[in-house]
Protein backbone atom coordinates (compact mmCIF):
# COMPACT_ATOMS: atom_id res chain seq x y z
CA MET A 1 0.00 0.00 0.00
CA ALA A 2 1.45 3.36 -1.03
CA ASP A 3 2.21 6.00 1.58
CA ILE A 4 3.75 9.46 1.54
CA LEU A 5 7.24 7.96 1.47
CA ASP A 6 6.52 6.79 -2.09
CA THR A 7 5.80 10.40 -2.99
CA PHE A 8 9.03 11.57 -1.33
CA ILE A 9 11.01 8.94 -3.23
CA GLU A 10 9.32 9.77 -6.53
CA LYS A 11 10.11 13.47 -6.08
CA ALA A 12 13.71 12.65 -5.13
CA HIS A 13 14.19 10.70 -8.36
CA GLU A 14 12.60 13.58 -10.32
CA SER A 15 15.04 16.04 -8.74
CA VAL A 16 18.03 13.82 -9.53
CA LYS A 17 16.87 13.42 -13.13
CA SER A 18 16.31 17.16 -13.52
CA GLY A 19 19.90 17.93 -12.50
CA TYR A 20 18.98 19.64 -9.22
CA TYR A 21 21.91 17.96 -7.46
CA ALA A 22 24.44 18.46 -10.24
CA THR A 23 27.60 20.24 -9.08
CA HIS A 24 29.38 22.86 -11.16
CA GLY A 25 32.55 24.80 -10.47
CA SER A 26 34.58 24.56 -7.29
CA PRO A 27 33.21 22.98 -4.11
CA HIS A 28 32.39 25.27 -1.24
CA MET A 29 35.39 25.27 1.07
CA VAL A 30 34.21 25.46 4.66
CA LEU A 31 35.68 24.48 8.00
CA PRO A 32 34.25 21.06 8.93
CA CYS A 33 32.46 20.73 12.26
CA SER A 34 31.69 17.31 13.72
CA LEU A 35 28.16 16.60 14.91
CA SER A 36 29.11 13.22 16.36
CA GLU A 37 31.87 14.77 18.46
CA LYS A 38 29.37 17.26 19.87
CA LEU A 39 27.00 14.42 20.71
CA ALA A 40 29.81 12.68 22.59
CA ARG A 41 30.27 15.72 24.83
CA GLN A 42 26.74 16.92 25.51
CA PHE A 43 23.02 16.58 24.85
CA VAL A 44 22.45 18.28 21.50
CA LEU A 45 19.62 20.45 20.19
CA ILE A 46 19.48 20.39 16.38
CA THR A 47 17.28 23.14 14.95
CA GLU A 48 16.04 23.05 11.39
CA ILE A 49 15.76 25.25 8.32
CA LYS A 50 12.54 23.87 6.82
CA HIS A 51 10.32 25.99 4.59
CA ALA A 52 7.26 23.71 4.74
CA SER A 53 5.84 20.83 6.75
CA PRO A 54 4.80 17.64 4.89
CA ALA A 55 1.68 17.49 7.05
CA GLY A 56 0.62 20.95 5.90
CA GLU A 57 1.17 22.54 9.31
CA TYR A 58 2.92 25.55 7.79
CA SER A 59 4.48 26.80 4.58
CA PHE A 60 6.68 29.87 4.01
CA ASP A 61 7.69 31.16 0.60
CA ASN A 62 10.24 33.59 1.94
CA ILE A 63 12.58 32.85 4.85
CA ASP A 64 15.61 34.94 5.76
CA VAL A 65 17.80 31.86 6.15
CA GLU A 66 20.90 33.71 7.35
CA LYS A 67 19.00 35.71 9.96
CA THR A 68 17.25 32.56 11.16
CA ALA A 69 20.45 30.54 11.35
CA MET A 70 22.16 33.26 13.35
CA GLU A 71 19.14 33.42 15.67
CA PHE A 72 19.45 29.67 16.20
CA LYS A 73 23.09 30.17 17.17
CA ARG A 74 22.28 33.10 19.47
CA CYS A 75 19.74 30.95 21.32
CA LYS A 76 22.38 28.22 21.84
CA ALA A 77 21.29 25.65 19.27
CA ASP A 78 24.05 23.06 18.84
CA ALA A 79 23.60 22.23 15.14
CA ILE A 80 21.39 23.05 12.17
CA SER A 81 19.55 20.64 9.90
CA VAL A 82 18.91 22.02 6.41
CA VAL A 83 16.07 20.39 4.47
CA VAL A 84 17.07 20.62 0.80
CA GLU A 85 14.16 18.72 -0.81
CA GLN A 86 12.62 21.19 -3.25
CA HIS A 87 9.17 19.91 -4.17
CA ILE A 88 7.40 19.20 -0.88
CA PHE A 89 9.61 20.99 1.66
CA LYS A 90 10.53 23.93 -0.63
CA GLY A 91 14.20 23.49 0.26
CA ASN A 92 17.26 24.89 -1.44
CA LEU A 93 20.78 23.49 -1.63
CA GLY A 94 22.24 26.97 -1.24
CA ASN A 95 20.85 27.16 2.29
CA ILE A 96 23.61 24.79 3.41
CA GLN A 97 26.28 27.42 2.73
CA VAL A 98 24.25 30.05 4.56
CA ALA A 99 23.78 27.85 7.63
CA LYS A 100 27.51 27.08 7.67
CA LYS A 101 28.20 30.78 8.37
CA THR A 102 27.16 30.08 11.96
CA GLY A 103 30.11 27.76 12.54
CA LEU A 104 27.70 25.07 13.78
CA PRO A 105 27.57 21.52 12.37
CA VAL A 106 25.18 21.39 9.41
CA LEU A 107 23.13 18.31 8.49
CA PHE A 108 22.07 17.75 4.86
CA LYS A 109 18.50 16.47 5.23
CA ASP A 110 16.82 14.84 2.26
CA PHE A 111 15.46 11.54 0.97
CA VAL A 112 18.71 10.24 -0.47
CA VAL A 113 18.32 7.74 -3.29
CA SER A 114 21.36 8.57 -5.44
CA ASP A 115 25.11 9.01 -5.24
CA GLU A 116 24.58 12.47 -6.78
CA GLN A 117 22.91 13.62 -3.57
CA ILE A 118 25.86 12.41 -1.50
CA LYS A 119 28.26 14.36 -3.72
CA ALA A 120 26.02 17.44 -3.53
CA ALA A 121 26.01 17.31 0.27
CA LYS A 122 29.80 17.49 0.27
CA PHE A 123 29.99 20.05 -2.54
CA TYR A 124 27.71 22.51 -0.74
CA GLY A 125 29.61 22.18 2.54
CA ALA A 126 27.48 19.98 4.80
CA ASP A 127 29.16 18.22 7.71
CA ALA A 128 26.74 15.30 7.91
CA MET A 129 23.92 13.79 5.89
CA LEU A 130 20.75 11.82 6.57
CA LEU A 131 20.01 8.35 5.23
CA VAL A 132 16.52 6.95 5.86
CA VAL A 133 16.48 3.16 6.28
CA LYS A 134 12.93 2.81 4.99
CA ALA A 135 13.67 4.83 1.84
CA ILE A 136 16.92 2.95 1.19
CA ASP A 137 15.17 -0.40 1.60
CA ARG A 138 12.21 0.57 -0.55
CA CYS A 139 14.57 1.53 -3.37
CA SER A 140 16.54 -1.74 -2.90
CA LEU A 141 19.74 0.23 -2.29
CA ASP A 142 22.79 -0.82 -0.28
CA LEU A 143 22.75 1.05 3.03
CA ASP A 144 26.29 0.03 3.98
CA GLY A 145 27.56 1.03 0.55
CA MET A 146 25.93 4.46 0.76
CA ILE A 147 27.40 5.07 4.21
CA GLU A 148 30.82 4.15 2.86
CA LYS A 149 30.44 6.57 -0.04
CA ALA A 150 29.43 9.38 2.32
CA HIS A 151 32.40 8.67 4.55
CA LYS A 152 34.73 8.78 1.55
CA GLU A 153 33.39 12.27 0.86
CA GLY A 154 34.27 13.26 4.43
CA LEU A 155 30.65 13.32 5.62
CA GLU A 156 29.31 11.95 8.87
CA VAL A 157 26.14 9.88 8.50
CA LEU A 158 22.91 9.95 10.49
CA VAL A 159 20.84 6.82 9.78
CA GLU A 160 17.15 7.20 10.59
CA ALA A 161 14.92 4.34 11.77
CA TYR A 162 11.16 4.07 12.27
CA ASP A 163 10.89 0.84 14.26
CA GLU A 164 12.87 -1.65 16.31
CA ALA A 165 13.93 -3.80 13.35
CA GLU A 166 15.25 -0.79 11.45
CA MET A 167 17.10 0.45 14.52
CA LYS A 168 18.78 -2.91 15.01
CA LYS A 169 19.80 -2.85 11.34
CA ALA A 170 21.09 0.72 11.62
CA ALA A 171 23.05 -0.06 14.77
CA LYS A 172 25.06 -2.71 12.90
CA THR A 173 26.23 -0.26 10.24
CA ASP A 174 29.16 2.15 10.31
CA ALA A 175 26.80 5.11 10.75
CA ASP A 176 28.11 7.82 13.05
CA ILE A 177 24.71 8.72 14.51
CA LEU A 178 21.33 6.99 14.69
CA GLY A 179 17.94 8.68 14.61
CA ILE A 180 14.39 7.75 15.57
CA ASN A 181 11.64 9.48 13.60
CA ASN A 182 8.52 9.81 15.74
CA ARG A 183 6.35 10.61 12.71
CA ASP A 184 4.42 7.74 11.14
CA LEU A 185 4.94 7.95 7.39
CA ALA A 186 1.57 6.35 6.68
CA THR A 187 -0.53 8.75 8.76
CA LEU A 188 1.94 11.62 9.40
CA LYS A 189 0.93 11.53 13.07
CA VAL A 190 3.66 11.86 15.67
CA ASP A 191 4.09 9.81 18.82
CA LEU A 192 7.02 10.39 21.17
CA ASN A 193 6.41 6.96 22.66
CA ARG A 194 8.02 5.61 19.49
CA THR A 195 11.36 6.79 20.91
CA LYS A 196 10.53 5.17 24.25
CA ARG A 197 9.54 1.83 22.68
CA ILE A 198 12.58 1.61 20.40
CA MET A 199 15.11 2.64 23.02
CA GLU A 200 13.68 0.21 25.59
CA SER A 201 13.41 -2.62 23.05
CA VAL A 202 16.82 -2.34 21.43
CA GLY A 203 18.78 -1.88 24.66
CA LYS A 204 22.32 -0.58 24.83
CA ILE A 205 23.52 1.07 21.62
CA SER A 206 27.12 2.15 21.19
CA LYS A 207 26.28 5.00 18.80
CA PRO A 208 24.57 8.26 19.82
CA VAL A 209 20.83 8.34 19.09
CA ILE A 210 18.70 11.41 18.46
CA SER A 211 14.91 11.71 18.59
CA GLU A 212 13.28 13.48 15.65
CA SER A 213 9.80 14.95 14.99
CA GLY A 214 7.03 15.82 17.42
CA ILE A 215 9.16 17.64 19.98
CA ARG A 216 6.93 20.56 20.96
CA GLY A 217 8.64 22.02 24.00
CA ALA A 218 11.02 21.58 26.92
CA ASP A 219 8.88 18.87 28.56
CA ASP A 220 9.05 16.75 25.40
CA VAL A 221 12.83 17.13 25.32
CA ARG A 222 13.01 15.96 28.93
CA PHE A 223 10.68 13.06 28.13
CA VAL A 224 12.77 11.56 25.34
CA LYS A 225 16.04 12.36 27.10
CA GLN A 226 15.21 9.99 29.95
CA PHE A 227 15.33 7.00 27.56
CA GLY A 228 18.95 7.52 26.63
CA VAL A 229 18.86 9.60 23.46
CA LYS A 230 21.72 12.08 23.16
CA GLY A 231 19.91 14.78 21.25
CA VAL A 232 16.74 16.01 19.55
CA LEU A 233 16.01 17.43 16.11
CA VAL A 234 13.22 20.01 16.07
CA GLY A 235 11.66 21.78 13.10
CA THR A 236 7.88 22.23 13.01
CA SER A 237 7.34 23.47 16.58
CA ILE A 238 10.00 26.15 16.04
CA TRP A 239 8.46 27.37 12.79
CA LYS A 240 4.92 27.38 14.21
CA ALA A 241 5.96 29.36 17.29
CA PRO A 242 5.07 33.08 17.44
CA ASP A 243 8.62 33.80 18.63
CA LEU A 244 11.19 31.55 16.97
CA GLY A 245 14.03 32.60 19.27
CA ALA A 246 12.01 32.09 22.44
CA LYS A 247 11.01 28.60 21.32
CA VAL A 248 14.63 27.62 20.62
CA ALA A 249 15.66 28.97 24.03
CA GLU A 250 12.87 26.95 25.69
CA LEU A 251 13.93 23.77 23.91
CA LYS A 252 17.53 24.40 24.93
CA ARG A 253 16.48 24.65 28.58
CA GLY A 254 14.90 21.22 28.29
CA ALA A 255 18.11 19.92 26.73
CA THR A 256 20.33 21.26 29.50
CA ASP A 257 18.19 20.44 32.57
């Protein structure tokens, strides 16, 4: 039965075919900044540059990306995720360079189905990139091989899982970071208990794990933190907040309690 992931994958293939990820000229030379090293030292709040929500919760045509990224830094965010998918999330590859001006680690966030996307992540200056187990499996791609290719480009890899089986698979790879997405791709509903169930089921994991989606405030950060995750990635609740900076500061308090 088709779900929204099929749409994401279809759009990813369209973008690859259209040349969206093609690289021209010299790569963007930026100082690398390790997300995994930060996770080893502290609980990490990853904020997100995301122009639209897949669930239709918000959509912005014009975002001052540089101003927003600097506001994230001012409010003590530890890293920035940049959603580059252009059709549904209205992303832009150039936003990676802008986010890198903060000096924070930058995560290339997309539905990666092609080597071209891996090369683009490096070309535009990202420090790390996301690979989604469910998308990789649905496209019959080699997860280990894609991680290896990303590492050869000098990128750290965050592998995202949606259930216990995917997390166990991800934990056996050479990924630098693991993620749990609390959003159900069939219904788009979020449930923070997904983090609880997976962390309690899988047991001790040697790699740092972050909880993604559905984090609305400091209490939610504290909730997932108690199950052993080392960080959270937050997008929608920041962009829906009347005061973006105040929301980031609130989330940071939950991260540092």
